[in-house]
Amino acid sequence: MKVNYLLFLFLLFQINTTFSQQMPIDFSGGSDTFSVFSGSSFALTSDPEDAGNPIGQFSNDGSDPWQGFYIDLSRPIDLGLQKTISLSYYGYDTGSHNILLKLENGANPNVEVTQNVSGSGWTHNIIFDFSNAVASSDGVTPVNATGQYSRLTIFIDGGSTVSGTYLIDSIDDGSTPTDPNVLDVTYTDLVWSDEFDTNGAVNSTNWFHQTQLPAGGSWYNNEVQHYTDRTDNSYVAGGFLNIVSKKETYSDQGYTKSYTSARLNSKFAFTYGRVDVRAKIPTQAGTWPAIWMLGKNINEDGGYWDNTYGTTNWPACGEIDIMEHGIFPSEDPNYISSALHTPCCYGGNPNKGGIIASDLVNDFHIYSMNWSPDQISFLLDGVVYYTYNPSVKDANTWPFDADQYILLNIAMGGVAGTIDPSFTEGTMQIDYVRVYQNSSLSIKETRKDAFKVFPNPVKTELNIKTSETIDDMALYDIFGKLVLKHKEIGRSINVENLPAGVYFLKIYSGPTTTIKKVLKY
């Protein structure tokens, strides 16, 4: 398999050195960007006194008295740790201006503090003391503010229709930046998988074909396909699942459509864990391949879980989009996206992240989602590129405390845009789908089943203990490359010379195949 190692190393460097959308804010790396409202504008620029120092430029056009700027933080401001926020301000004129900092989106009511500043040039270390704040509800009531807030809003000369451009730098709440994309839980026990080793129809023990049209005769988002259970649209061959969207006239359930595809529901649902899917995807205009999850409790006629568990409408059931392609026409052709849909934020919501991969059509990539009780992270080829971790976790922001199941499909048209007139078919080819949880993490054993591997994590020698007959074994790296063949593997495996990282040990015993995730340090 071709691997773009330069891209991998670049992404690893970027992820490990850039901590976006959290305090302190110094506008470095291009990630500390403010959203605007009521006619204001924001831009990243250079310090007029030090061209190498990036800063924020905040502008009002004077059309509205309450023009402002806000930033949503991946890690909230915690007034329990420090009550003050400081910043540096640069004025182009010698006049007096007021700066109002407002804290929003916390468990407690919104609060604000105002400071006056005058003079041209830089004024450093302006202190906003939230032990002497006022309630934002009336702007008067004194408040010794407490708690956490995930949105910081700035008004400059709020309440006045005054135009102007102002520079701000070094917004600091006293906290230390951390990497928001560090996985908080590592899942190592393989609890469910499909390796697609048997040619023919999709394994009906693992998967359900969802074909029933929603009320009205069309799929959501103005999609134009029929989903079928035919092997024309989904089949296994050569160790791969193939989901195929086709241009063809097809009638079903009283409706005739010009495209067909497949939509699979996993017959396995779980709470917390990691999903790894190794796949190639189509990128033709109008195709929308997706690897995603829905709450098992979704009320959706025709879904596998609906009859027994379908009590909750979307998006209250929660949706986790592990990988989507084709619905962002302004992005690079190799851009893939992940998103969360919840009652507070759905559709074109801000809770999403994306990344540019190498050659999606011809290269296999591993699309992963790591879900703990506290955060959900998305990975491409083992590297985290987006983490969802709302400061307030309730039914509106976090319906992710109950079982979800996996969906695999290619949709056509609708949000994905106009279908290429020359389109005939597109294929999403999947090598495997694997789900990991932690049934019993131990330095001696990773799982209490027929095959035990220890120690794990391992430094030099990995041992396999079992009473079963082992017919064959192979060790693969995270990219699916064979590292050790069965002839080189006994029941003790020397991994001392392997680089640190994640590996998969595949054990064949009669009709059973067992896969163990191994961490090498």
Foldseek 3Di string as FASTA:
>chain_A
DDAPVVVVVVLQVCLQPDAAQAPPDFCPPVRDWKDWDDAKDKDWAAAPVGRVGIWIKIWAQLPDLAIKIKTFHLFWQFVVVPQKKWKKKADPAFAKKKKKKWFDDWPDAIKIFIDMDGGHGMDGGDMGGLCQIAGPVVRDHGHHDGGTGRMIMMTMSHRGSDTDMMIMGGTHRPDDGDRPQDDPDDFWAFDDKDQLPDWWFDDPLWKDWQFDAAPPRHHPLPFFEGEDRDVVQWTGDPRKIKGKKFQDWDDDPHDTTGIYTTKIWTPDKDAFWKKKWKKFWDQAQFKKWFKWKWQLQDCTPRDPSNVPRPDDHPPLRKIWTQWIAQLDVVDDSQKIKIAIGAQQADDPGPGMWIDGGPDRHPAIWMWMWGHDPAKIFTDILPHTTHIRGDPDDDSRRHSRRHIMIIMTIMTGHRSSHDGDPPDGMIIMIISMMTIGHQPDQDCQFRDPDQWTWHRAQDAFKIAIDHPADWDFKFKAASRRHTDDGRVQDDRMHTCNPPDFDKMWMWTDGPPDIGITIGGYD
